[in-house]
């Protein structure tokens, strides 16, 4: 089953296109704000991480996926600070 395609994780920026991409609440219901990699069972998978650490983590992941480092840095720095999790901190 697919979603509308307009959903992005509000912690890492990952597009969430299928229900399996979404995180879960404590009651195992779908959480529509955060992805499965960032949010499971109602908690962040990386509690205590700073925005700067999250940016560095996203850069490493993007590079592993084949994105040039300069592009990964630009994307992470343009995206992460605007997401709900980081705007609220």
N, C-alpha and C. Protein backbone atom coordinates (compact mmCIF):
# COMPACT_ATOMS: atom_id res chain seq x y z
N UNK A 1 0.85 -1.19 0.00
CA UNK A 1 0.00 0.00 0.00
C UNK A 1 0.89 1.24 0.00
N UNK A 2 0.56 2.21 -0.81
CA UNK A 2 1.34 3.44 -0.91
C UNK A 2 0.58 4.60 -0.28
N UNK A 3 1.33 5.63 0.07
CA UNK A 3 0.74 6.85 0.63
C UNK A 3 0.67 7.90 -0.46
N UNK A 4 0.31 9.10 -0.07
CA UNK A 4 0.18 10.19 -1.05
C UNK A 4 1.53 10.62 -1.62
N UNK A 5 2.63 10.25 -0.95
CA UNK A 5 3.95 10.62 -1.43
C UNK A 5 4.42 11.99 -0.97
N UNK A 6 3.61 12.67 -0.18
CA UNK A 6 3.99 14.01 0.30
C UNK A 6 4.57 13.97 1.70
N UNK A 7 4.74 12.80 2.25
CA UNK A 7 5.20 12.69 3.62
C UNK A 7 6.71 12.59 3.70
N UNK A 8 7.29 13.39 4.60
CA UNK A 8 8.73 13.34 4.89
C UNK A 8 8.90 13.19 6.39
N UNK A 9 9.85 12.39 6.78
CA UNK A 9 10.16 12.24 8.19
C UNK A 9 10.56 13.59 8.75
N UNK A 10 9.98 13.95 9.86
CA UNK A 10 10.25 15.24 10.49
C UNK A 10 11.44 15.18 11.45
N UNK A 11 12.24 14.10 11.30
CA UNK A 11 13.49 14.00 12.04
C UNK A 11 14.68 13.93 11.09
N UNK A 12 14.55 13.14 10.00
CA UNK A 12 15.68 12.96 9.09
C UNK A 12 15.42 13.45 7.66
N UNK A 13 14.15 13.67 7.33
CA UNK A 13 13.82 14.15 5.99
C UNK A 13 13.55 13.07 4.96
N UNK A 14 13.63 11.80 5.36
CA UNK A 14 13.41 10.71 4.42
C UNK A 14 11.98 10.74 3.87
N UNK A 15 11.83 10.56 2.56
CA UNK A 15 10.48 10.43 2.01
C UNK A 15 9.83 9.14 2.54
N UNK A 16 8.57 9.24 2.92
CA UNK A 16 7.84 8.07 3.41
C UNK A 16 6.73 7.79 2.41
N UNK A 17 6.99 6.85 1.51
CA UNK A 17 6.09 6.57 0.40
C UNK A 17 5.21 5.35 0.62
N UNK A 18 5.60 4.46 1.51
CA UNK A 18 4.83 3.26 1.80
C UNK A 18 4.57 3.20 3.30
N UNK A 19 3.51 2.50 3.69
CA UNK A 19 3.19 2.41 5.11
C UNK A 19 4.35 1.84 5.91
N UNK A 20 5.12 0.95 5.31
CA UNK A 20 6.26 0.35 6.01
C UNK A 20 7.37 1.36 6.29
N UNK A 21 7.32 2.54 5.68
CA UNK A 21 8.31 3.59 5.92
C UNK A 21 8.03 4.37 7.21
N UNK A 22 6.80 4.34 7.67
CA UNK A 22 6.39 5.15 8.82
C UNK A 22 6.79 4.52 10.14
N UNK A 23 7.10 5.39 11.11
CA UNK A 23 7.37 4.94 12.46
C UNK A 23 6.09 4.49 13.14
N UNK A 24 6.25 4.03 14.38
CA UNK A 24 5.10 3.53 15.13
C UNK A 24 4.99 4.21 16.49
N UNK A 25 3.75 4.35 16.94
CA UNK A 25 3.46 4.86 18.27
C UNK A 25 3.54 3.72 19.28
N UNK A 26 3.43 4.06 20.56
CA UNK A 26 3.51 3.03 21.61
C UNK A 26 2.51 1.90 21.40
N UNK A 27 1.33 2.21 20.86
CA UNK A 27 0.30 1.20 20.64
C UNK A 27 0.42 0.51 19.28
N UNK A 28 1.55 0.69 18.62
CA UNK A 28 1.85 0.11 17.30
C UNK A 28 1.07 0.72 16.14
N UNK A 29 0.33 1.80 16.41
CA UNK A 29 -0.33 2.50 15.31
C UNK A 29 0.73 3.29 14.53
N UNK A 30 0.39 3.66 13.31
CA UNK A 30 1.32 4.39 12.44
C UNK A 30 1.51 5.82 12.94
N UNK A 31 2.75 6.25 12.97
CA UNK A 31 3.06 7.63 13.28
C UNK A 31 3.36 8.32 11.95
N UNK A 32 2.60 9.31 11.59
CA UNK A 32 2.73 9.93 10.27
C UNK A 32 3.79 11.03 10.20
N UNK A 33 4.43 11.35 11.32
CA UNK A 33 5.45 12.41 11.32
C UNK A 33 6.87 11.89 11.17
N UNK A 34 7.12 10.67 11.63
CA UNK A 34 8.49 10.16 11.68
C UNK A 34 8.61 8.79 11.02
N UNK A 35 9.79 8.53 10.44
CA UNK A 35 10.02 7.26 9.74
C UNK A 35 10.38 6.13 10.72
N UNK A 36 10.35 4.92 10.20
CA UNK A 36 10.65 3.73 10.99
C UNK A 36 12.09 3.73 11.51
N UNK A 37 12.98 4.42 10.83
CA UNK A 37 14.38 4.46 11.26
C UNK A 37 14.60 5.44 12.40
N UNK A 38 13.72 6.43 12.51
CA UNK A 38 13.86 7.46 13.55
C UNK A 38 12.94 7.25 14.74
N UNK A 39 11.82 6.53 14.56
CA UNK A 39 10.79 6.49 15.59
C UNK A 39 10.13 5.12 15.64
N UNK A 40 10.28 4.43 16.77
CA UNK A 40 9.67 3.10 16.96
C UNK A 40 9.05 3.02 18.33
N UNK A 41 7.85 2.49 18.37
CA UNK A 41 7.14 2.27 19.64
C UNK A 41 7.02 3.55 20.47
N UNK A 42 6.84 4.69 19.79
CA UNK A 42 6.59 5.95 20.48
C UNK A 42 7.83 6.68 20.98
N UNK A 43 9.00 6.20 20.59
CA UNK A 43 10.24 6.84 21.02
C UNK A 43 11.20 7.01 19.86
N UNK A 44 12.04 8.04 19.93
CA UNK A 44 13.07 8.21 18.93
C UNK A 44 14.11 7.11 19.09
N UNK A 45 14.64 6.62 17.98
CA UNK A 45 15.65 5.57 18.02
C UNK A 45 17.02 6.12 18.37
N UNK A 46 17.16 7.42 18.31
CA UNK A 46 18.43 8.07 18.63
C UNK A 46 18.23 9.20 19.65
N UNK A 47 17.70 8.86 20.84
CA UNK A 47 17.44 9.91 21.82
C UNK A 47 18.74 10.58 22.22
N UNK A 48 18.67 11.87 22.41
CA UNK A 48 19.84 12.61 22.84
C UNK A 48 20.75 13.08 21.72
N UNK A 49 20.48 12.67 20.49
CA UNK A 49 21.30 13.12 19.37
C UNK A 49 21.05 14.61 19.15
N UNK A 50 22.09 15.34 18.84
CA UNK A 50 21.93 16.76 18.56
C UNK A 50 21.63 16.95 17.07
N UNK A 51 21.17 18.13 16.73
CA UNK A 51 20.90 18.42 15.32
C UNK A 51 22.19 18.29 14.51
N UNK A 52 23.28 18.75 15.04
CA UNK A 52 24.56 18.67 14.33
C UNK A 52 24.96 17.21 14.09
N UNK A 53 24.73 16.37 15.10
CA UNK A 53 25.04 14.95 14.95
C UNK A 53 24.12 14.30 13.91
N UNK A 54 22.85 14.71 13.90
CA UNK A 54 21.90 14.16 12.93
C UNK A 54 22.32 14.57 11.51
N UNK A 55 22.74 15.80 11.35
CA UNK A 55 23.21 16.26 10.04
C UNK A 55 24.39 15.40 9.59
N UNK A 56 25.35 15.19 10.48
CA UNK A 56 26.53 14.37 10.13
C UNK A 56 26.11 12.94 9.79
N UNK A 57 25.16 12.40 10.53
CA UNK A 57 24.67 11.04 10.27
C UNK A 57 24.01 10.97 8.90
N UNK A 58 23.18 11.95 8.58
CA UNK A 58 22.52 11.97 7.28
C UNK A 58 23.52 12.10 6.14
N UNK A 59 24.56 12.87 6.35
CA UNK A 59 25.60 13.01 5.32
C UNK A 59 26.25 11.66 5.06
N UNK A 60 26.59 10.93 6.12
CA UNK A 60 27.21 9.61 5.96
C UNK A 60 26.28 8.65 5.22
N UNK A 61 25.00 8.66 5.57
CA UNK A 61 24.03 7.77 4.92
C UNK A 61 23.90 8.12 3.44
N UNK A 62 23.78 9.40 3.13
CA UNK A 62 23.65 9.84 1.74
C UNK A 62 24.88 9.43 0.92
N UNK A 63 26.06 9.57 1.51
CA UNK A 63 27.29 9.18 0.81
C UNK A 63 27.29 7.67 0.53
N UNK A 64 26.86 6.87 1.52
CA UNK A 64 26.78 5.42 1.33
C UNK A 64 25.83 5.06 0.21
N UNK A 65 24.81 5.90 0.01
CA UNK A 65 23.82 5.66 -1.04
C UNK A 65 24.30 6.19 -2.39
N UNK A 66 25.51 6.77 -2.43
CA UNK A 66 26.09 7.20 -3.69
C UNK A 66 26.02 8.69 -3.99
N UNK A 67 25.52 9.47 -3.06
CA UNK A 67 25.44 10.91 -3.29
C UNK A 67 26.83 11.53 -3.08
N UNK A 68 27.24 12.43 -3.95
CA UNK A 68 28.52 13.13 -3.73
C UNK A 68 28.50 13.88 -2.40
N UNK A 69 29.63 13.90 -1.71
CA UNK A 69 29.72 14.51 -0.38
C UNK A 69 29.22 15.95 -0.36
N UNK A 70 29.62 16.74 -1.34
CA UNK A 70 29.21 18.15 -1.36
C UNK A 70 27.69 18.27 -1.44
N UNK A 71 27.05 17.42 -2.25
CA UNK A 71 25.59 17.44 -2.37
C UNK A 71 24.94 16.99 -1.07
N UNK A 72 25.52 15.96 -0.44
CA UNK A 72 24.98 15.44 0.82
C UNK A 72 25.05 16.51 1.91
N UNK A 73 26.15 17.22 1.98
CA UNK A 73 26.31 18.29 2.97
C UNK A 73 25.29 19.40 2.73
N UNK A 74 25.14 19.80 1.49
CA UNK A 74 24.20 20.87 1.16
C UNK A 74 22.77 20.46 1.49
N UNK A 75 22.40 19.24 1.12
CA UNK A 75 21.04 18.76 1.36
C UNK A 75 20.75 18.66 2.85
N UNK A 76 21.65 18.05 3.60
CA UNK A 76 21.43 17.89 5.04
C UNK A 76 21.32 19.24 5.75
N UNK A 77 22.19 20.16 5.40
CA UNK A 77 22.17 21.47 6.05
C UNK A 77 20.95 22.30 5.66
N UNK A 78 20.41 22.06 4.48
CA UNK A 78 19.22 22.79 4.03
C UNK A 78 17.93 22.17 4.57
N UNK A 79 17.96 20.87 4.87
CA UNK A 79 16.75 20.14 5.24
C UNK A 79 16.55 19.99 6.74
N UNK A 80 17.53 19.44 7.41
CA UNK A 80 17.37 19.05 8.82
C UNK A 80 16.90 20.20 9.72
N UNK A 81 17.52 21.37 9.68
CA UNK A 81 17.09 22.44 10.61
C UNK A 81 15.63 22.86 10.43
N UNK A 82 15.01 22.57 9.30
CA UNK A 82 13.63 22.99 9.04
C UNK A 82 12.60 21.95 9.49
N UNK A 83 13.05 20.78 9.90
CA UNK A 83 12.13 19.71 10.27
C UNK A 83 11.61 19.91 11.70
N UNK A 84 10.40 19.41 11.95
CA UNK A 84 9.71 19.63 13.21
C UNK A 84 10.55 19.28 14.44
N UNK A 85 11.21 18.13 14.41
CA UNK A 85 11.98 17.71 15.59
C UNK A 85 13.03 18.73 15.96
N UNK A 86 13.65 19.34 14.98
CA UNK A 86 14.77 20.23 15.24
C UNK A 86 14.32 21.68 15.43
N UNK A 87 13.21 22.06 14.85
CA UNK A 87 12.69 23.41 15.06
C UNK A 87 12.19 23.56 16.50
N UNK A 88 11.74 22.45 17.08
CA UNK A 88 11.19 22.48 18.44
C UNK A 88 12.26 22.39 19.52
N UNK A 89 13.48 22.03 19.13
CA UNK A 89 14.53 21.85 20.14
C UNK A 89 15.30 23.13 20.39
